């Protein structure tokens, strides 16, 4: 997998390979366009009500050559730190362009569900995306998705402790969560991350110096994850991982309940509309 903005980067299926390549950026861009063209053809005959399209997307991801690209005016970083692969971001990009035959709510629900292997068994998922991209996905899942859930969980713990101690609620809980997990404030950690990674604001000018892209935010989270790995003992790492996973599952279940309530509400509205129409006809 290559970045469109770099001639020599990590490769995928290749995703975690350190070998350099002389393949030109233009050639990689042509390869990406060819992958998209094949996907459009492959999705057309798929039954809209079936699930085969999910595997088709995952198998297309296995063939994708770019680690990042600029698409529709936005920089999309699929590979974070040369190690963590955000397959959902790539899948969204592919479905937005090629998935006109698939209900948008349906594929967005699929991508928004943070389950580890996209609803498939691990072997099936790994076969579809390839071993290298599958391993890089695990790095993203634990290094970004679970890490973000861990921060939320610790923030909630800080808030609960403050409430139990009779202290006023404030916006300091998030900063205290970063200090608890990483030993410093978020702003201070961000400055160190920018210096180490060379991350720059997406727009020039001092007014935009604090702006950053979604890719930079993910890269920062992954950097924090690696920082915590370096500073924590194995028992603490395991405990925090369980805490992050538990919080992620609670968030997922809350979202499932919310969608069921919304669906139930929509059904009641449709039933009321139906009854009114029958009365009008009568």
Protein backbone atom coordinates (compact mmCIF):
# COMPACT_ATOMS: atom_id res chain seq x y z
CA UNK A 1 0.00 0.00 0.00
CA UNK A 2 1.44 3.35 -1.02
CA UNK A 3 0.63 6.96 -0.27
CA UNK A 4 -0.17 9.07 -3.30
CA UNK A 5 1.99 11.76 -1.77
CA UNK A 6 5.05 9.50 -1.40
CA UNK A 7 7.04 7.40 -3.79
CA UNK A 8 8.53 5.13 -1.10
CA UNK A 9 6.27 4.03 1.74
CA UNK A 10 5.12 0.82 3.36
CA UNK A 11 3.30 -1.62 1.12
CA UNK A 12 0.20 -3.82 1.43
CA UNK A 13 -1.01 -6.60 1.09
CA UNK A 14 2.05 -5.42 1.53
CA UNK A 15 0.51 -3.20 4.29
CA UNK A 16 3.21 -3.81 6.88
CA UNK A 17 6.13 -4.51 4.59
CA UNK A 18 9.20 -2.31 4.98
CA UNK A 19 10.47 -2.92 1.46
CA UNK A 20 10.79 0.12 -0.77
CA UNK A 21 9.39 0.18 -4.27
CA UNK A 22 10.15 2.22 -7.37
CA UNK A 23 6.52 2.05 -8.49
CA UNK A 24 5.45 5.52 -9.52
CA UNK A 25 2.66 7.46 -7.86
CA UNK A 26 0.82 7.68 -11.17
CA UNK A 27 1.00 3.93 -11.60
CA UNK A 28 -0.46 3.39 -8.13
CA UNK A 29 -3.24 5.87 -8.85
CA UNK A 30 -4.06 4.00 -12.07
CA UNK A 31 -4.09 0.74 -10.13
CA UNK A 32 -6.52 2.24 -7.60
CA UNK A 33 -8.82 3.42 -10.40
CA UNK A 34 -8.74 -0.06 -11.91
CA UNK A 35 -9.71 -1.57 -8.54
CA UNK A 36 -12.67 0.81 -8.31
CA UNK A 37 -13.74 0.02 -11.87
CA UNK A 38 -13.73 -3.73 -11.13
CA UNK A 39 -15.67 -3.18 -7.91
CA UNK A 40 -18.43 -1.31 -9.74
CA UNK A 41 -18.76 -4.25 -12.13
CA UNK A 42 -18.73 -6.82 -9.33
CA UNK A 43 -21.38 -5.05 -7.25
CA UNK A 44 -23.90 -4.70 -10.07
CA UNK A 45 -25.10 -8.34 -10.19
CA UNK A 46 -25.17 -8.78 -6.42
CA UNK A 47 -28.64 -9.21 -4.95
CA UNK A 48 -29.42 -6.03 -3.01
CA UNK A 49 -31.00 -7.93 -0.13
CA UNK A 50 -28.05 -10.30 0.29
CA UNK A 51 -24.85 -10.01 2.27
CA UNK A 52 -22.34 -10.99 -0.42
CA UNK A 53 -21.51 -7.32 -1.03
CA UNK A 54 -19.72 -7.16 2.33
CA UNK A 55 -17.23 -9.84 1.31
CA UNK A 56 -16.85 -8.17 -2.07
CA UNK A 57 -15.84 -4.93 -0.33
CA UNK A 58 -13.37 -6.73 1.94
CA UNK A 59 -11.85 -8.60 -1.01
CA UNK A 60 -11.50 -5.32 -2.88
CA UNK A 61 -9.75 -3.81 0.14
CA UNK A 62 -7.18 -6.63 -0.14
CA UNK A 63 -6.27 -5.34 -3.62
CA UNK A 64 -6.16 -1.63 -2.72
CA UNK A 65 -2.67 -0.16 -3.32
CA UNK A 66 -2.73 3.24 -1.58
CA UNK A 67 -1.89 3.98 2.07
CA UNK A 68 -3.46 7.42 1.70
CA UNK A 69 -4.99 9.60 -0.99
CA UNK A 70 -6.61 12.94 -1.55
CA UNK A 71 -10.20 12.30 -2.57
CA UNK A 72 -13.00 14.82 -3.01
CA UNK A 73 -10.79 17.51 -1.45
CA UNK A 74 -10.08 15.43 1.67
CA UNK A 75 -6.93 13.59 2.68
CA UNK A 76 -7.79 10.00 3.60
CA UNK A 77 -5.16 8.21 5.69
CA UNK A 78 -5.91 4.50 5.59
CA UNK A 79 -2.62 3.41 7.15
CA UNK A 80 -1.66 5.07 10.45
CA UNK A 81 2.00 5.14 11.39
CA UNK A 82 2.79 2.50 8.78
CA UNK A 83 1.16 -0.09 11.08
CA UNK A 84 -2.54 0.51 11.83
CA UNK A 85 -5.02 0.01 8.98
CA UNK A 86 -8.44 1.70 9.03
CA UNK A 87 -10.34 -0.59 6.69
CA UNK A 88 -13.66 1.08 7.52
CA UNK A 89 -12.46 4.43 6.16
CA UNK A 90 -11.43 2.74 2.92
CA UNK A 91 -14.68 0.77 2.75
CA UNK A 92 -16.67 4.00 3.16
CA UNK A 93 -14.70 5.61 0.35
CA UNK A 94 -15.35 2.59 -1.93
CA UNK A 95 -19.04 2.29 -1.08
CA UNK A 96 -19.64 6.02 -1.51
CA UNK A 97 -18.36 5.76 -5.08
CA UNK A 98 -19.44 2.23 -6.05
CA UNK A 99 -22.28 1.18 -3.76
CA UNK A 100 -25.28 2.81 -5.41
CA UNK A 101 -27.11 -0.55 -5.56
CA UNK A 102 -26.75 -1.00 -1.78
CA UNK A 103 -28.93 0.83 0.71
CA UNK A 104 -26.79 3.57 2.26
CA UNK A 105 -28.26 3.16 5.74
CA UNK A 106 -27.44 -0.54 5.55
CA UNK A 107 -23.76 -0.12 4.69
CA UNK A 108 -23.30 2.76 7.11
CA UNK A 109 -24.75 0.62 9.91
CA UNK A 110 -22.25 -2.10 8.96
CA UNK A 111 -19.30 0.28 9.05
CA UNK A 112 -20.41 2.01 12.25
CA UNK A 113 -20.61 -1.27 14.15
CA UNK A 114 -17.22 -1.52 15.94
CA UNK A 115 -17.14 -5.33 16.14
CA UNK A 116 -13.65 -6.73 15.64
CA UNK A 117 -14.07 -8.67 12.39
CA UNK A 118 -16.93 -6.82 10.67
CA UNK A 119 -19.49 -9.45 11.66
CA UNK A 120 -17.47 -12.35 10.20
CA UNK A 121 -15.48 -15.09 11.85
CA UNK A 122 -11.79 -14.22 12.14
CA UNK A 123 -10.55 -16.73 9.50
CA UNK A 124 -13.11 -15.53 6.95
CA UNK A 125 -12.24 -11.88 7.55
CA UNK A 126 -8.51 -12.57 7.32
CA UNK A 127 -8.93 -14.53 4.08
CA UNK A 128 -10.93 -11.68 2.57
CA UNK A 129 -8.62 -8.74 3.39
CA UNK A 130 -5.35 -10.69 3.45
CA UNK A 131 -3.15 -11.54 6.42
CA UNK A 132 -1.06 -8.34 6.36
CA UNK A 133 -4.05 -5.99 6.19
CA UNK A 134 -5.83 -8.16 8.76
CA UNK A 135 -2.97 -7.80 11.22
CA UNK A 136 -2.74 -4.08 10.55
CA UNK A 137 -6.50 -3.87 11.23
CA UNK A 138 -5.88 -5.43 14.66
CA UNK A 139 -3.29 -2.71 15.33
CA UNK A 140 -5.90 -0.07 14.45
CA UNK A 141 -8.64 -1.75 16.48
CA UNK A 142 -6.61 -1.94 19.69
CA UNK A 143 -4.43 1.12 19.07
CA UNK A 144 -7.18 3.54 18.00
CA UNK A 145 -10.72 2.20 18.50
CA UNK A 146 -10.18 0.56 21.90
CA UNK A 147 -7.80 3.33 23.01
CA UNK A 148 -10.47 5.97 22.35
CA UNK A 149 -13.00 3.92 24.34
CA UNK A 150 -10.48 3.62 27.18
CA UNK A 151 -10.12 7.41 27.37
CA UNK A 152 -13.92 7.73 27.61
CA UNK A 153 -14.04 5.06 30.33
CA UNK A 154 -11.35 6.77 32.42
CA UNK A 155 -13.02 10.17 31.91
CA UNK A 156 -16.25 8.69 33.30
CA UNK A 157 -14.37 7.26 36.29
CA UNK A 158 -12.85 10.66 37.02
CA UNK A 159 -16.29 12.28 36.81
CA UNK A 160 -17.82 9.70 39.15
CA UNK A 161 -15.04 10.20 41.70
CA UNK A 162 -15.54 13.96 41.61
CA UNK A 163 -19.29 13.58 42.09
CA UNK A 164 -18.83 11.07 44.91
CA UNK A 165 -16.46 13.50 46.64
CA UNK A 166 -19.09 16.26 46.41
CA UNK A 167 -17.08 18.34 43.96
CA UNK A 168 -18.65 20.38 41.19
CA UNK A 169 -18.79 18.98 37.67
CA UNK A 170 -16.38 20.66 35.29
CA UNK A 171 -14.71 20.14 31.95
CA UNK A 172 -11.51 19.00 33.66
CA UNK A 173 -12.44 15.30 33.62
CA UNK A 174 -11.07 14.75 30.12
CA UNK A 175 -7.76 16.43 30.95
CA UNK A 176 -7.50 14.37 34.14
CA UNK A 177 -8.17 11.24 32.11
CA UNK A 178 -5.19 12.03 29.84
CA UNK A 179 -3.01 12.74 32.86
CA UNK A 180 -4.09 9.45 34.47
CA UNK A 181 -3.38 7.38 31.36
CA UNK A 182 -0.45 9.20 29.78
CA UNK A 183 1.04 11.39 32.52
CA UNK A 184 0.35 14.77 30.93
CA UNK A 185 -2.38 17.05 29.58
CA UNK A 186 -3.79 16.48 26.13
CA UNK A 187 -2.42 19.78 24.81
CA UNK A 188 1.08 19.02 26.05
CA UNK A 189 0.96 15.50 24.63
CA UNK A 190 -0.29 16.87 21.30
CA UNK A 191 2.66 19.26 21.07
CA UNK A 192 5.13 16.42 21.68
CA UNK A 193 3.33 14.27 19.11
CA UNK A 194 3.49 17.05 16.50
CA UNK A 195 7.22 17.48 17.03
CA UNK A 196 7.94 13.75 16.85
CA UNK A 197 5.70 13.02 13.87
CA UNK A 198 6.15 16.25 11.93
CA UNK A 199 2.38 16.70 11.80
CA UNK A 200 1.34 20.07 10.42
CA UNK A 201 -1.94 21.96 10.32
CA UNK A 202 -3.94 21.23 7.13
CA UNK A 203 -4.09 24.95 6.33
CA UNK A 204 -1.38 27.59 6.44
CA UNK A 205 -1.52 30.53 8.84
CA UNK A 206 -1.33 30.98 12.59
CA UNK A 207 -5.12 31.02 12.89
CA UNK A 208 -5.22 27.40 11.73
CA UNK A 209 -2.25 26.16 13.77
CA UNK A 210 -4.46 24.07 16.09
CA UNK A 211 -6.51 22.48 13.30
CA UNK A 212 -5.90 18.87 12.37
CA UNK A 213 -7.42 16.18 10.20
CA UNK A 214 -9.22 13.02 11.26
CA UNK A 215 -6.16 11.08 10.14
CA UNK A 216 -3.95 13.18 12.43
CA UNK A 217 -6.35 12.56 15.32
CA UNK A 218 -6.15 8.81 14.72
CA UNK A 219 -2.36 9.01 14.45
CA UNK A 220 -2.26 10.91 17.76
CA UNK A 221 -4.41 8.25 19.44
CA UNK A 222 -2.17 5.49 18.08
CA UNK A 223 0.88 7.39 19.32
CA UNK A 224 -0.72 7.61 22.78
CA UNK A 225 -1.43 3.87 22.69
CA UNK A 226 2.22 3.11 21.97
CA UNK A 227 3.30 5.56 24.69
CA UNK A 228 1.10 3.76 27.20
CA UNK A 229 2.51 0.39 26.09
CA UNK A 230 6.04 1.64 26.76
CA UNK A 231 5.27 3.04 30.21
CA UNK A 232 2.91 0.41 31.65
CA UNK A 233 3.61 -3.04 33.04
CA UNK A 234 1.88 -6.06 31.43
CA UNK A 235 -0.75 -6.37 34.17
CA UNK A 236 -1.75 -2.71 33.81
CA UNK A 237 -1.85 -3.01 30.01
CA UNK A 238 -4.14 -6.04 30.24
CA UNK A 239 -6.40 -4.31 32.77
CA UNK A 240 -6.70 -1.15 30.64
CA UNK A 241 -7.37 -3.20 27.51
CA UNK A 242 -10.23 -5.02 29.25
CA UNK A 243 -11.59 -1.67 30.43
CA UNK A 244 -11.48 -0.21 26.92
CA UNK A 245 -13.11 -3.29 25.38
CA UNK A 246 -15.87 -3.27 28.02
CA UNK A 247 -16.59 0.39 27.40
CA UNK A 248 -16.62 -0.15 23.63
CA UNK A 249 -19.14 -2.97 24.01
CA UNK A 250 -21.36 -0.83 26.28
CA UNK A 251 -21.27 1.96 23.70
CA UNK A 252 -22.16 -0.56 21.00
CA UNK A 253 -25.10 -1.97 22.99
CA UNK A 254 -26.37 1.54 23.73
CA UNK A 255 -26.30 2.28 20.01
CA UNK A 256 -28.17 -0.95 19.24
CA UNK A 257 -30.87 -0.04 21.79
CA UNK A 258 -31.11 3.48 20.37
CA UNK A 259 -31.61 2.14 16.84
CA UNK A 260 -34.28 -0.28 18.06
CA UNK A 261 -36.14 2.57 19.75
CA UNK A 262 -35.91 4.71 16.63
CA UNK A 263 -37.11 1.80 14.49
CA UNK A 264 -39.97 1.11 16.89
CA UNK A 265 -40.95 4.78 16.86
CA UNK A 266 -40.87 4.84 13.05
CA UNK A 267 -43.07 1.72 12.91
CA UNK A 268 -45.63 3.29 15.28
CA UNK A 269 -45.73 6.42 13.13
CA UNK A 270 -46.29 4.34 9.99
CA UNK A 271 -49.09 2.40 11.73
CA UNK A 272 -50.78 5.64 12.79
CA UNK A 273 -50.53 7.01 9.25
CA UNK A 274 -51.97 3.74 7.92
CA UNK A 275 -54.91 3.88 10.31
CA UNK A 276 -55.67 7.49 9.36
CA UNK A 277 -55.66 6.58 5.67
CA UNK A 278 -58.02 3.64 6.25
CA UNK A 279 -60.41 5.91 8.21
CA UNK A 280 -60.32 8.49 5.44
CA UNK A 281 -61.16 5.87 2.81
CA UNK A 282 -63.97 4.53 5.03
